[in-house]
Amino acid sequence: MLYFKSLEEAEEVFKALSTPMRLKIMEMINEDDELSMNDLAEALKLTNSAISMHVSKLESAGLVKVKTKAGKRGNMKIIQPMHDRLMIDLMPAKEVRKFYQDDIRVGYYTNYKIAPTCGISTGNYIIGALDDPRYFNFPDRFNAGILWFGSGFIEYNIPNHLIAGQTLTELQISFEICSEYPEYNDDYPSDIYFSINGKPLGMWVSPGDYGDRKGYVTPQWWPELLNQYGLLKTLIINSEGTYIDGSNQISEVTIEDLAIDYTSTITLRFEVPKETANCGGFTLFGEEFGDHNQAIRVKTFYVENNEQVNKES
């Protein structure tokens, strides 16, 4: 599902779907996700260049992906839908809750133990050599915009802004991630586990490692065979449990189970254990890479203790 919190966020999608021809293309590829550029051109009686232009608009809006597949007469470009549903909040709710927000760059990890394939890069150059974990300890890492590994874990300290008299009610942690394949493979599942302060929160299965096109903000110099973009996911821990993207509950661990107060450290771990069923690696995209140009974004929601007392009374 493609979800937008406001009409403004969905502007690019509206533009991409503003012509009947693109609506027809979306209708056709949702009925048959193995149609090629040539198939569409023939069915719609358009030139290949016209079809390419329409598909490019849909791809830029995140509505379709283009896969290269071997055919009888060379490679074919297959057009496939990215989402099965589109949801837009026409009257988005204003956030009235109190929260602190932090953006943590992907290179600001505090601990790691990883195995190849692996790598780490700034927006200008790959740090050291590929598949050598030593380079994760080089000082250049603080400028990193992407990192990846085949198995293992990486940890980040989340700033704790709480003061005495404030109670944590929810954590929202947003990041762009995918699997890790030696080159890329969009059908390569990986079990990615999350934990805070050593308490397991659950697991989400990444569908693959995406490289069929350039990430929207990935640098032009970035090698085509390396990871290009991921999926933007939001880990949510509240009084109801732990969720991915608000609707997919991954465990019954609640914010109260974490027992975090104003004196606590908060350590977030991403992990792909070697012994898990789908050991498909982990890629984390930050600023200057992927589709979203975003670091690890953390929202820490809280209430003042006197407000909580008033609500209960």
C-alpha atoms as a PDB file:
ATOM      1  CA  MET A   1       0.000   0.000   0.000  1.00  0.00           C
ATOM      2  CA  LEU A   2       1.190   3.510  -0.852  1.00  0.00           C
ATOM      3  CA  TYR A   3       0.159   5.884   1.936  1.00  0.00           C
ATOM      4  CA  PHE A   4       0.273   9.683   2.014  1.00  0.00           C
ATOM      5  CA  LYS A   5      -0.537  11.773   5.044  1.00  0.00           C
ATOM      6  CA  SER A   6      -1.743  14.769   2.989  1.00  0.00           C
ATOM      7  CA  LEU A   7      -2.700  15.900  -0.505  1.00  0.00           C
ATOM      8  CA  GLU A   8       0.577  17.799  -0.723  1.00  0.00           C
ATOM      9  CA  GLU A   9       2.596  14.608  -0.128  1.00  0.00           C
ATOM     10  CA  ALA A  10       0.685  12.898  -2.953  1.00  0.00           C
ATOM     11  CA  GLU A  11       1.271  15.675  -5.511  1.00  0.00           C
ATOM     12  CA  GLU A  12       3.736  13.669  -7.646  1.00  0.00           C
ATOM     13  CA  VAL A  13       1.328  10.733  -7.811  1.00  0.00           C
ATOM     14  CA  PHE A  14      -1.507  13.018  -8.939  1.00  0.00           C
ATOM     15  CA  LYS A  15       0.725  14.398 -11.683  1.00  0.00           C
ATOM     16  CA  ALA A  16       1.758  10.916 -12.805  1.00  0.00           C
ATOM     17  CA  LEU A  17      -1.875   9.767 -13.021  1.00  0.00           C
ATOM     18  CA  SER A  18      -3.133  12.941 -14.674  1.00  0.00           C
ATOM     19  CA  THR A  19      -3.415  11.446 -18.174  1.00  0.00           C
ATOM     20  CA  PRO A  20      -5.838   8.711 -19.332  1.00  0.00           C
ATOM     21  CA  MET A  21      -2.976   6.833 -21.013  1.00  0.00           C
ATOM     22  CA  ARG A  22      -1.061   6.382 -17.742  1.00  0.00           C
ATOM     23  CA  LEU A  23      -4.239   5.304 -15.980  1.00  0.00           C
ATOM     24  CA  LYS A  24      -4.691   2.697 -18.719  1.00  0.00           C
ATOM     25  CA  ILE A  25      -1.095   1.505 -18.287  1.00  0.00           C
ATOM     26  CA  MET A  26      -1.667   1.102 -14.533  1.00  0.00           C
ATOM     27  CA  GLU A  27      -4.862  -0.833 -15.212  1.00  0.00           C
ATOM     28  CA  MET A  28      -3.114  -3.156 -17.669  1.00  0.00           C
ATOM     29  CA  ILE A  29      -0.063  -3.958 -15.517  1.00  0.00           C
ATOM     30  CA  ASN A  30      -2.252  -4.622 -12.483  1.00  0.00           C
ATOM     31  CA  GLU A  31      -4.082  -7.228 -14.554  1.00  0.00           C
ATOM     32  CA  ASP A  32      -0.830  -8.695 -15.942  1.00  0.00           C
ATOM     33  CA  ASP A  33       2.483  -7.875 -14.224  1.00  0.00           C
ATOM     34  CA  GLU A  34       4.589  -9.529 -16.964  1.00  0.00           C
ATOM     35  CA  LEU A  35       3.837  -6.985 -19.701  1.00  0.00           C
ATOM     36  CA  SER A  36       6.857  -5.500 -21.435  1.00  0.00           C
ATOM     37  CA  MET A  37       7.368  -2.047 -22.924  1.00  0.00           C
ATOM     38  CA  ASN A  38       6.781  -3.603 -26.360  1.00  0.00           C
ATOM     39  CA  ASP A  39       3.553  -5.274 -25.186  1.00  0.00           C
ATOM     40  CA  LEU A  40       2.214  -1.951 -23.919  1.00  0.00           C
ATOM     41  CA  ALA A  41       3.254  -0.073 -27.048  1.00  0.00           C
ATOM     42  CA  GLU A  42       1.552  -2.642 -29.285  1.00  0.00           C
ATOM     43  CA  ALA A  43      -1.646  -2.824 -27.214  1.00  0.00           C
ATOM     44  CA  LEU A  44      -1.987   0.963 -26.890  1.00  0.00           C
ATOM     45  CA  LYS A  45      -0.791   1.702 -30.441  1.00  0.00           C
ATOM     46  CA  LEU A  46       1.977   4.016 -29.215  1.00  0.00           C
ATOM     47  CA  THR A  47       5.637   4.317 -30.111  1.00  0.00           C
ATOM     48  CA  ASN A  48       8.220   2.821 -27.780  1.00  0.00           C
ATOM     49  CA  SER A  49       9.497   6.315 -26.944  1.00  0.00           C
ATOM     50  CA  ALA A  50       5.990   7.456 -25.932  1.00  0.00           C
ATOM     51  CA  ILE A  51       5.500   4.389 -23.720  1.00  0.00           C
ATOM     52  CA  SER A  52       8.953   4.954 -22.201  1.00  0.00           C
ATOM     53  CA  MET A  53       8.017   8.550 -21.329  1.00  0.00           C
ATOM     54  CA  HIS A  54       4.748   7.501 -19.655  1.00  0.00           C
ATOM     55  CA  VAL A  55       6.419   4.682 -17.711  1.00  0.00           C
ATOM     56  CA  SER A  56       9.196   7.032 -16.588  1.00  0.00           C
ATOM     57  CA  LYS A  57       6.608   9.390 -15.068  1.00  0.00           C
ATOM     58  CA  LEU A  58       4.938   6.509 -13.234  1.00  0.00           C
ATOM     59  CA  GLU A  59       8.296   5.187 -12.037  1.00  0.00           C
ATOM     60  CA  SER A  60       9.395   8.594 -10.718  1.00  0.00           C
ATOM     61  CA  ALA A  61       6.200   8.750  -8.656  1.00  0.00           C
ATOM     62  CA  GLY A  62       6.969   5.348  -7.130  1.00  0.00           C
ATOM     63  CA  LEU A  63       3.994   3.628  -8.783  1.00  0.00           C
ATOM     64  CA  VAL A  64       5.818   1.103 -10.986  1.00  0.00           C
ATOM     65  CA  LYS A  65       9.173  -0.631 -11.264  1.00  0.00           C
ATOM     66  CA  VAL A  66      10.990  -1.719 -14.417  1.00  0.00           C
ATOM     67  CA  LYS A  67      12.639  -5.146 -14.484  1.00  0.00           C
ATOM     68  CA  THR A  68      15.006  -6.407 -17.138  1.00  0.00           C
ATOM     69  CA  LYS A  69      14.259  -9.945 -18.271  1.00  0.00           C
ATOM     70  CA  ALA A  70      15.890 -12.128 -20.919  1.00  0.00           C
ATOM     71  CA  GLY A  71      13.686 -12.679 -23.971  1.00  0.00           C
ATOM     72  CA  LYS A  72      13.891 -14.449 -27.320  1.00  0.00           C
ATOM     73  CA  ARG A  73      15.290 -11.333 -28.984  1.00  0.00           C
ATOM     74  CA  GLY A  74      17.470  -9.945 -26.228  1.00  0.00           C
ATOM     75  CA  ASN A  75      16.492  -8.299 -22.975  1.00  0.00           C
ATOM     76  CA  MET A  76      12.949  -7.083 -22.311  1.00  0.00           C
ATOM     77  CA  LYS A  77      11.829  -4.363 -19.909  1.00  0.00           C
ATOM     78  CA  ILE A  78       8.929  -5.642 -17.804  1.00  0.00           C
ATOM     79  CA  ILE A  79       6.670  -3.060 -16.102  1.00  0.00           C
ATOM     80  CA  GLN A  80       5.276  -4.082 -12.727  1.00  0.00           C
ATOM     81  CA  PRO A  81       3.110  -2.240 -10.165  1.00  0.00           C
ATOM     82  CA  MET A  82       4.768  -1.305  -6.868  1.00  0.00           C
ATOM     83  CA  HIS A  83       1.599  -1.167  -4.752  1.00  0.00           C
ATOM     84  CA  ASP A  84      -1.807  -2.772  -4.626  1.00  0.00           C
ATOM     85  CA  ARG A  85      -3.554   0.159  -2.932  1.00  0.00           C
ATOM     86  CA  LEU A  86      -3.277   3.931  -2.633  1.00  0.00           C
ATOM     87  CA  MET A  87      -4.397   5.751   0.522  1.00  0.00           C
ATOM     88  CA  ILE A  88      -4.435   9.514   1.062  1.00  0.00           C
ATOM     89  CA  ASP A  89      -5.598  11.390   4.152  1.00  0.00           C
ATOM     90  CA  LEU A  90      -7.741  14.197   2.715  1.00  0.00           C
ATOM     91  CA  MET A  91      -8.063  15.770   6.153  1.00  0.00           C
ATOM     92  CA  PRO A  92      -4.838  14.758   7.947  1.00  0.00           C
ATOM     93  CA  ALA A  93      -5.003  14.795  11.703  1.00  0.00           C
ATOM     94  CA  LYS A  94      -2.731  17.320  13.342  1.00  0.00           C
ATOM     95  CA  GLU A  95      -0.290  15.823  15.815  1.00  0.00           C
ATOM     96  CA  VAL A  96      -1.290  17.232  19.174  1.00  0.00           C
ATOM     97  CA  ARG A  97       0.831  14.917  21.278  1.00  0.00           C
ATOM     98  CA  LYS A  98       4.114  16.099  22.694  1.00  0.00           C
ATOM     99  CA  PHE A  99       7.250  14.530  21.240  1.00  0.00           C
ATOM    100  CA  TYR A 100      10.980  14.967  20.749  1.00  0.00           C
ATOM    101  CA  GLN A 101      12.480  14.296  17.314  1.00  0.00           C
ATOM    102  CA  ASP A 102      16.002  13.287  16.315  1.00  0.00           C
ATOM    103  CA  ASP A 103      17.660  12.347  13.018  1.00  0.00           C
ATOM    104  CA  ILE A 104      20.527   9.879  13.493  1.00  0.00           C
ATOM    105  CA  ARG A 105      22.922   9.492  10.558  1.00  0.00           C
ATOM    106  CA  VAL A 106      23.524   5.883   9.568  1.00  0.00           C
ATOM    107  CA  GLY A 107      27.238   6.122  10.386  1.00  0.00           C
ATOM    108  CA  TYR A 108      26.621   7.062  14.022  1.00  0.00           C
ATOM    109  CA  TYR A 109      26.353   3.479  15.258  1.00  0.00           C
ATOM    110  CA  THR A 110      27.800   2.603  18.638  1.00  0.00           C
ATOM    111  CA  ASN A 111      28.387  -1.137  18.210  1.00  0.00           C
ATOM    112  CA  TYR A 112      28.406  -3.722  15.448  1.00  0.00           C
ATOM    113  CA  LYS A 113      29.377  -7.287  14.602  1.00  0.00           C
ATOM    114  CA  ILE A 114      28.936  -8.121  10.938  1.00  0.00           C
ATOM    115  CA  ALA A 115      29.923 -10.589   8.228  1.00  0.00           C
ATOM    116  CA  PRO A 116      30.351 -10.027   4.467  1.00  0.00           C
ATOM    117  CA  THR A 117      29.042  -9.248   2.001  1.00  0.00           C
ATOM    118  CA  CYS A 118      29.390  -5.758   3.477  1.00  0.00           C
ATOM    119  CA  GLY A 119      30.295  -2.180   2.749  1.00  0.00           C
ATOM    120  CA  ILE A 120      29.889   1.414   3.832  1.00  0.00           C
ATOM    121  CA  SER A 121      29.979   4.630   1.813  1.00  0.00           C
ATOM    122  CA  THR A 122      29.662   8.382   2.018  1.00  0.00           C
ATOM    123  CA  GLY A 123      27.880  10.333  -0.701  1.00  0.00           C
ATOM    124  CA  ASN A 124      31.256  10.847  -2.414  1.00  0.00           C
ATOM    125  CA  TYR A 125      33.214   7.617  -2.046  1.00  0.00           C
ATOM    126  CA  ILE A 126      33.159   4.042  -0.751  1.00  0.00           C
ATOM    127  CA  ILE A 127      35.036   3.804   2.544  1.00  0.00           C
ATOM    128  CA  GLY A 128      37.951   1.396   2.185  1.00  0.00           C
ATOM    129  CA  ALA A 129      37.192  -1.809   0.280  1.00  0.00           C
ATOM    130  CA  LEU A 130      34.056  -3.880  -0.133  1.00  0.00           C
ATOM    131  CA  ASP A 131      33.481  -7.006   1.990  1.00  0.00           C
ATOM    132  CA  ASP A 132      35.973  -6.011   4.694  1.00  0.00           C
ATOM    133  CA  PRO A 133      34.304  -5.268   8.091  1.00  0.00           C
ATOM    134  CA  ARG A 134      37.412  -3.379   9.306  1.00  0.00           C
ATOM    135  CA  TYR A 135      36.294  -0.283   7.413  1.00  0.00           C
ATOM    136  CA  PHE A 136      33.172   0.029   9.572  1.00  0.00           C
ATOM    137  CA  ASN A 137      35.548   1.308  12.256  1.00  0.00           C
ATOM    138  CA  PHE A 138      37.158   4.051  10.150  1.00  0.00           C
ATOM    139  CA  PRO A 139      36.376   7.673  11.163  1.00  0.00           C
ATOM    140  CA  ASP A 140      34.902   8.384   7.716  1.00  0.00           C
ATOM    141  CA  ARG A 141      31.890   6.332   8.857  1.00  0.00           C
ATOM    142  CA  PHE A 142      30.365   9.387  10.541  1.00  0.00           C
ATOM    143  CA  ASN A 143      29.735  10.807   7.059  1.00  0.00           C
ATOM    144  CA  ALA A 144      28.230   7.574   5.733  1.00  0.00           C
ATOM    145  CA  GLY A 145      24.964   7.585   3.826  1.00  0.00           C
ATOM    146  CA  ILE A 146      24.623   3.827   3.275  1.00  0.00           C
ATOM    147  CA  LEU A 147      25.843   0.590   4.846  1.00  0.00           C
ATOM    148  CA  TRP A 148      25.117  -3.078   4.341  1.00  0.00           C
ATOM    149  CA  PHE A 149      26.085  -6.533   5.632  1.00  0.00           C
ATOM    150  CA  GLY A 150      25.259 -10.195   5.015  1.00  0.00           C
ATOM    151  CA  SER A 151      24.597 -11.139   8.651  1.00  0.00           C
ATOM    152  CA  GLY A 152      25.188  -9.749  12.132  1.00  0.00           C
ATOM    153  CA  PHE A 153      23.979  -6.648  13.949  1.00  0.00           C
ATOM    154  CA  ILE A 154      24.431  -2.906  14.230  1.00  0.00           C
ATOM    155  CA  GLU A 155      23.363  -0.679  17.159  1.00  0.00           C
ATOM    156  CA  TYR A 156      22.482   2.979  17.643  1.00  0.00           C
ATOM    157  CA  ASN A 157      21.998   5.030  20.787  1.00  0.00           C
ATOM    158  CA  ILE A 158      18.745   6.992  20.678  1.00  0.00           C
ATOM    159  CA  PRO A 159      18.898  10.345  22.525  1.00  0.00           C
ATOM    160  CA  ASN A 160      16.761  10.319  25.667  1.00  0.00           C
ATOM    161  CA  HIS A 161      15.310  13.830  26.105  1.00  0.00           C
ATOM    162  CA  LEU A 162      12.924  12.851  28.893  1.00  0.00           C
ATOM    163  CA  ILE A 163      13.176  14.783  32.125  1.00  0.00           C
ATOM    164  CA  ALA A 164      11.832  13.995  35.578  1.00  0.00           C
ATOM    165  CA  GLY A 165       8.049  14.205  35.508  1.00  0.00           C
ATOM    166  CA  GLN A 166       7.680  12.958  31.908  1.00  0.00           C
ATOM    167  CA  THR A 167       6.515   9.459  30.895  1.00  0.00           C
ATOM    168  CA  LEU A 168       7.344   7.819  27.574  1.00  0.00           C
ATOM    169  CA  THR A 169       4.158   6.764  25.723  1.00  0.00           C
ATOM    170  CA  GLU A 170       5.378   5.803  22.248  1.00  0.00           C
ATOM    171  CA  LEU A 171       8.477   5.421  20.099  1.00  0.00           C
ATOM    172  CA  GLN A 172       8.328   5.860  16.316  1.00  0.00           C
ATOM    173  CA  ILE A 173      11.514   5.000  14.442  1.00  0.00           C
ATOM    174  CA  SER A 174      11.569   5.499  10.668  1.00  0.00           C
ATOM    175  CA  PHE A 175      14.255   4.184   8.295  1.00  0.00           C
ATOM    176  CA  GLU A 176      14.805   3.036   4.705  1.00  0.00           C
ATOM    177  CA  ILE A 177      15.974  -0.589   4.553  1.00  0.00           C
ATOM    178  CA  CYS A 178      16.129  -3.694   2.367  1.00  0.00           C
ATOM    179  CA  SER A 179      17.964  -7.022   2.096  1.00  0.00           C
ATOM    180  CA  GLU A 180      21.587  -7.447   0.969  1.00  0.00           C
ATOM    181  CA  TYR A 181      22.496  -9.528  -2.072  1.00  0.00           C
ATOM    182  CA  PRO A 182      26.052  -9.613  -3.531  1.00  0.00           C
ATOM    183  CA  GLU A 183      24.793  -7.519  -6.469  1.00  0.00           C
ATOM    184  CA  TYR A 184      21.028  -7.000  -6.273  1.00  0.00           C
ATOM    185  CA  ASN A 185      17.971  -9.234  -6.286  1.00  0.00           C
ATOM    186  CA  ASP A 186      14.456  -7.911  -5.678  1.00  0.00           C
ATOM    187  CA  ASP A 187      13.271 -11.407  -4.717  1.00  0.00           C
ATOM    188  CA  TYR A 188      15.648 -12.120  -1.845  1.00  0.00           C
ATOM    189  CA  PRO A 189      13.832 -12.265   1.534  1.00  0.00           C
ATOM    190  CA  SER A 190      15.647 -11.403   4.731  1.00  0.00           C
ATOM    191  CA  ASP A 191      14.506 -11.702   8.354  1.00  0.00           C
ATOM    192  CA  ILE A 192      15.384  -8.379   9.977  1.00  0.00           C
ATOM    193  CA  TYR A 193      15.034  -8.340  13.765  1.00  0.00           C
ATOM    194  CA  PHE A 194      14.619  -5.272  15.984  1.00  0.00           C
ATOM    195  CA  SER A 195      15.387  -4.858  19.675  1.00  0.00           C
ATOM    196  CA  ILE A 196      15.684  -2.048  22.207  1.00  0.00           C
ATOM    197  CA  ASN A 197      17.940  -2.317  25.238  1.00  0.00           C
ATOM    198  CA  GLY A 198      18.349  -6.023  24.518  1.00  0.00           C
ATOM    199  CA  LYS A 199      14.604  -6.733  24.506  1.00  0.00           C
ATOM    200  CA  PRO A 200      13.451  -8.383  21.238  1.00  0.00           C
ATOM    201  CA  LEU A 201      10.671  -6.427  19.531  1.00  0.00           C
ATOM    202  CA  GLY A 202       9.950  -8.759  16.636  1.00  0.00           C
ATOM    203  CA  MET A 203      10.938  -9.347  13.055  1.00  0.00           C
ATOM    204  CA  TRP A 204      10.027  -8.026   9.600  1.00  0.00           C
ATOM    205  CA  VAL A 205      10.786  -9.879   6.364  1.00  0.00           C
ATOM    206  CA  SER A 206      12.372  -7.652   3.739  1.00  0.00           C
ATOM    207  CA  PRO A 207      11.243  -8.803   0.263  1.00  0.00           C
ATOM    208  CA  GLY A 208      14.522  -8.126  -1.520  1.00  0.00           C
ATOM    209  CA  ASP A 209      17.545  -6.003  -2.355  1.00  0.00           C
ATOM    210  CA  TYR A 210      16.484  -3.405  -4.919  1.00  0.00           C
ATOM    211  CA  GLY A 211      18.718  -2.365  -7.786  1.00  0.00           C
ATOM    212  CA  ASP A 212      16.547  -2.421 -10.915  1.00  0.00           C
ATOM    213  CA  ARG A 213      16.728   1.391 -11.113  1.00  0.00           C
ATOM    214  CA  LYS A 214      18.680   4.236  -9.558  1.00  0.00           C
ATOM    215  CA  GLY A 215      17.505   5.410  -6.147  1.00  0.00           C
ATOM    216  CA  TYR A 216      15.883   8.840  -6.410  1.00  0.00           C
ATOM    217  CA  VAL A 217      18.674  10.453  -4.359  1.00  0.00           C
ATOM    218  CA  THR A 218      21.427   7.864  -4.872  1.00  0.00           C
ATOM    219  CA  PRO A 219      24.539   9.593  -6.338  1.00  0.00           C
ATOM    220  CA  GLN A 220      25.073   9.259 -10.081  1.00  0.00           C
ATOM    221  CA  TRP A 221      28.567   7.812  -9.564  1.00  0.00           C
ATOM    222  CA  TRP A 222      27.218   4.914  -7.487  1.00  0.00           C
ATOM    223  CA  PRO A 223      27.863   1.539  -9.232  1.00  0.00           C
ATOM    224  CA  GLU A 224      24.753   0.131 -10.908  1.00  0.00           C
ATOM    225  CA  LEU A 225      25.263  -3.368  -9.482  1.00  0.00           C
ATOM    226  CA  LEU A 226      25.152  -2.182  -5.853  1.00  0.00           C
ATOM    227  CA  ASN A 227      22.098  -1.532  -3.670  1.00  0.00           C
ATOM    228  CA  GLN A 228      20.090   1.392  -5.068  1.00  0.00           C
ATOM    229  CA  TYR A 229      17.042   1.934  -2.840  1.00  0.00           C
ATOM    230  CA  GLY A 230      14.975   0.364  -0.074  1.00  0.00           C
ATOM    231  CA  LEU A 231      11.554   0.576   1.546  1.00  0.00           C
ATOM    232  CA  LEU A 232      10.680   3.268   4.083  1.00  0.00           C
ATOM    233  CA  LYS A 233       9.450   1.487   7.217  1.00  0.00           C
ATOM    234  CA  THR A 234       8.334   2.813  10.592  1.00  0.00           C
ATOM    235  CA  LEU A 235       8.815   0.791  13.763  1.00  0.00           C
ATOM    236  CA  ILE A 236       6.197   1.793  16.368  1.00  0.00           C
ATOM    237  CA  ILE A 237       6.180   0.720  20.021  1.00  0.00           C
ATOM    238  CA  ASN A 238       3.217   1.870  22.126  1.00  0.00           C
ATOM    239  CA  SER A 239       0.851   0.595  24.813  1.00  0.00           C
ATOM    240  CA  GLU A 240      -0.820  -1.791  22.363  1.00  0.00           C
ATOM    241  CA  GLY A 241       2.314  -3.569  21.154  1.00  0.00           C
ATOM    242  CA  THR A 242       5.026  -3.297  18.488  1.00  0.00           C
ATOM    243  CA  TYR A 243       4.145  -2.594  14.859  1.00  0.00           C
ATOM    244  CA  ILE A 244       5.659  -1.997  11.441  1.00  0.00           C
ATOM    245  CA  ASP A 245       3.920   0.883   9.627  1.00  0.00           C
ATOM    246  CA  GLY A 246       1.094   1.035  12.155  1.00  0.00           C
ATOM    247  CA  SER A 247      -0.981  -1.891  10.882  1.00  0.00           C
ATOM    248  CA  ASN A 248       1.412  -4.872  10.899  1.00  0.00           C
ATOM    249  CA  GLN A 249       1.862  -6.046  14.495  1.00  0.00           C
ATOM    250  CA  ILE A 250       5.144  -7.917  14.927  1.00  0.00           C
ATOM    251  CA  SER A 251       4.975  -8.568  18.695  1.00  0.00           C
ATOM    252  CA  GLU A 252       3.032  -7.870  21.865  1.00  0.00           C
ATOM    253  CA  VAL A 253       5.946  -5.994  23.463  1.00  0.00           C
ATOM    254  CA  THR A 254       4.630  -2.648  24.739  1.00  0.00           C
ATOM    255  CA  ILE A 255       6.298   0.623  25.584  1.00  0.00           C
ATOM    256  CA  GLU A 256       5.734  -0.164  29.271  1.00  0.00           C
ATOM    257  CA  ASP A 257       7.660  -3.446  28.864  1.00  0.00           C
ATOM    258  CA  LEU A 258      10.747  -1.431  27.904  1.00  0.00           C
ATOM    259  CA  ALA A 259      10.688   0.371  31.296  1.00  0.00           C
ATOM    260  CA  ILE A 260      12.351   3.496  29.911  1.00  0.00           C
ATOM    261  CA  ASP A 261      12.431   6.607  32.101  1.00  0.00           C
ATOM    262  CA  TYR A 262      14.461   9.824  32.090  1.00  0.00           C
ATOM    263  CA  THR A 263      17.539   8.014  33.473  1.00  0.00           C
ATOM    264  CA  SER A 264      17.590   5.271  30.817  1.00  0.00           C
ATOM    265  CA  THR A 265      19.862   4.763  27.856  1.00  0.00           C
ATOM    266  CA  ILE A 266      18.015   3.692  24.695  1.00  0.00           C
ATOM    267  CA  THR A 267      19.872   1.337  22.351  1.00  0.00           C
ATOM    268  CA  LEU A 268      18.297   0.257  19.071  1.00  0.00           C
ATOM    269  CA  ARG A 269      19.605  -2.869  17.322  1.00  0.00           C
ATOM    270  CA  PHE A 270      19.048  -4.071  13.749  1.00  0.00           C
ATOM    271  CA  GLU A 271      20.022  -7.719  13.345  1.00  0.00           C
ATOM    272  CA  VAL A 272      20.042 -10.518  10.786  1.00  0.00           C
ATOM    273  CA  PRO A 273      21.127 -13.684  12.637  1.00  0.00           C
ATOM    274  CA  LYS A 274      23.075 -16.177  10.568  1.00  0.00           C
ATOM    275  CA  GLU A 275      20.820 -19.002  11.789  1.00  0.00           C
ATOM    276  CA  THR A 276      17.501 -17.338  10.830  1.00  0.00           C
ATOM    277  CA  ALA A 277      15.345 -18.955   8.138  1.00  0.00           C
ATOM    278  CA  ASN A 278      15.904 -16.118   5.650  1.00  0.00           C
ATOM    279  CA  CYS A 279      19.438 -14.846   6.196  1.00  0.00           C
ATOM    280  CA  GLY A 280      19.267 -12.321   3.374  1.00  0.00           C
ATOM    281  CA  GLY A 281      21.334  -9.524   4.873  1.00  0.00           C
ATOM    282  CA  PHE A 282      20.583  -5.917   5.708  1.00  0.00           C
ATOM    283  CA  THR A 283      20.991  -2.564   3.942  1.00  0.00           C
ATOM    284  CA  LEU A 284      20.361   0.780   5.635  1.00  0.00           C
ATOM    285  CA  PHE A 285      19.963   3.934   3.537  1.00  0.00           C
ATOM    286  CA  GLY A 286      20.446   7.414   4.961  1.00  0.00           C
ATOM    287  CA  GLU A 287      20.909  10.897   3.611  1.00  0.00           C
ATOM    288  CA  GLU A 288      22.172  11.056  -0.003  1.00  0.00           C
ATOM    289  CA  PHE A 289      21.123   7.472  -0.797  1.00  0.00           C
ATOM    290  CA  GLY A 290      17.963   5.552  -1.641  1.00  0.00           C
ATOM    291  CA  ASP A 291      14.563   7.070  -2.330  1.00  0.00           C
ATOM    292  CA  HIS A 292      13.929   9.188   0.766  1.00  0.00           C
ATOM    293  CA  ASN A 293      17.083  11.165   1.687  1.00  0.00           C
ATOM    294  CA  GLN A 294      16.388  10.502   5.354  1.00  0.00           C
ATOM    295  CA  ALA A 295      18.504   9.494   8.329  1.00  0.00           C
ATOM    296  CA  ILE A 296      17.087   7.234  11.071  1.00  0.00           C
ATOM    297  CA  ARG A 297      14.243   9.457  12.303  1.00  0.00           C
ATOM    298  CA  VAL A 298      13.112   8.985  15.897  1.00  0.00           C
ATOM    299  CA  LYS A 299      10.019  10.491  17.498  1.00  0.00           C
ATOM    300  CA  THR A 300       9.776  10.093  21.264  1.00  0.00           C
ATOM    301  CA  PHE A 301       6.210  10.762  22.453  1.00  0.00           C
ATOM    302  CA  TYR A 302       5.595  11.583  26.095  1.00  0.00           C
ATOM    303  CA  VAL A 303       3.118  13.000  28.590  1.00  0.00           C
ATOM    304  CA  GLU A 304       3.692  15.111  31.645  1.00  0.00           C
ATOM    305  CA  ASN A 305       2.895  13.027  34.718  1.00  0.00           C
ATOM    306  CA  ASN A 306       0.338  15.562  35.961  1.00  0.00           C
ATOM    307  CA  GLU A 307      -1.477  15.276  32.594  1.00  0.00           C
ATOM    308  CA  GLN A 308      -1.608  11.496  32.987  1.00  0.00           C
ATOM    309  CA  VAL A 309      -3.058  11.831  36.465  1.00  0.00           C
ATOM    310  CA  ASN A 310      -5.737  14.248  35.179  1.00  0.00           C
ATOM    311  CA  LYS A 311      -6.729  11.824  32.395  1.00  0.00           C
ATOM    312  CA  GLU A 312      -7.030   8.897  34.803  1.00  0.00           C
ATOM    313  CA  SER A 313      -9.096  10.918  37.246  1.00  0.00           C
END
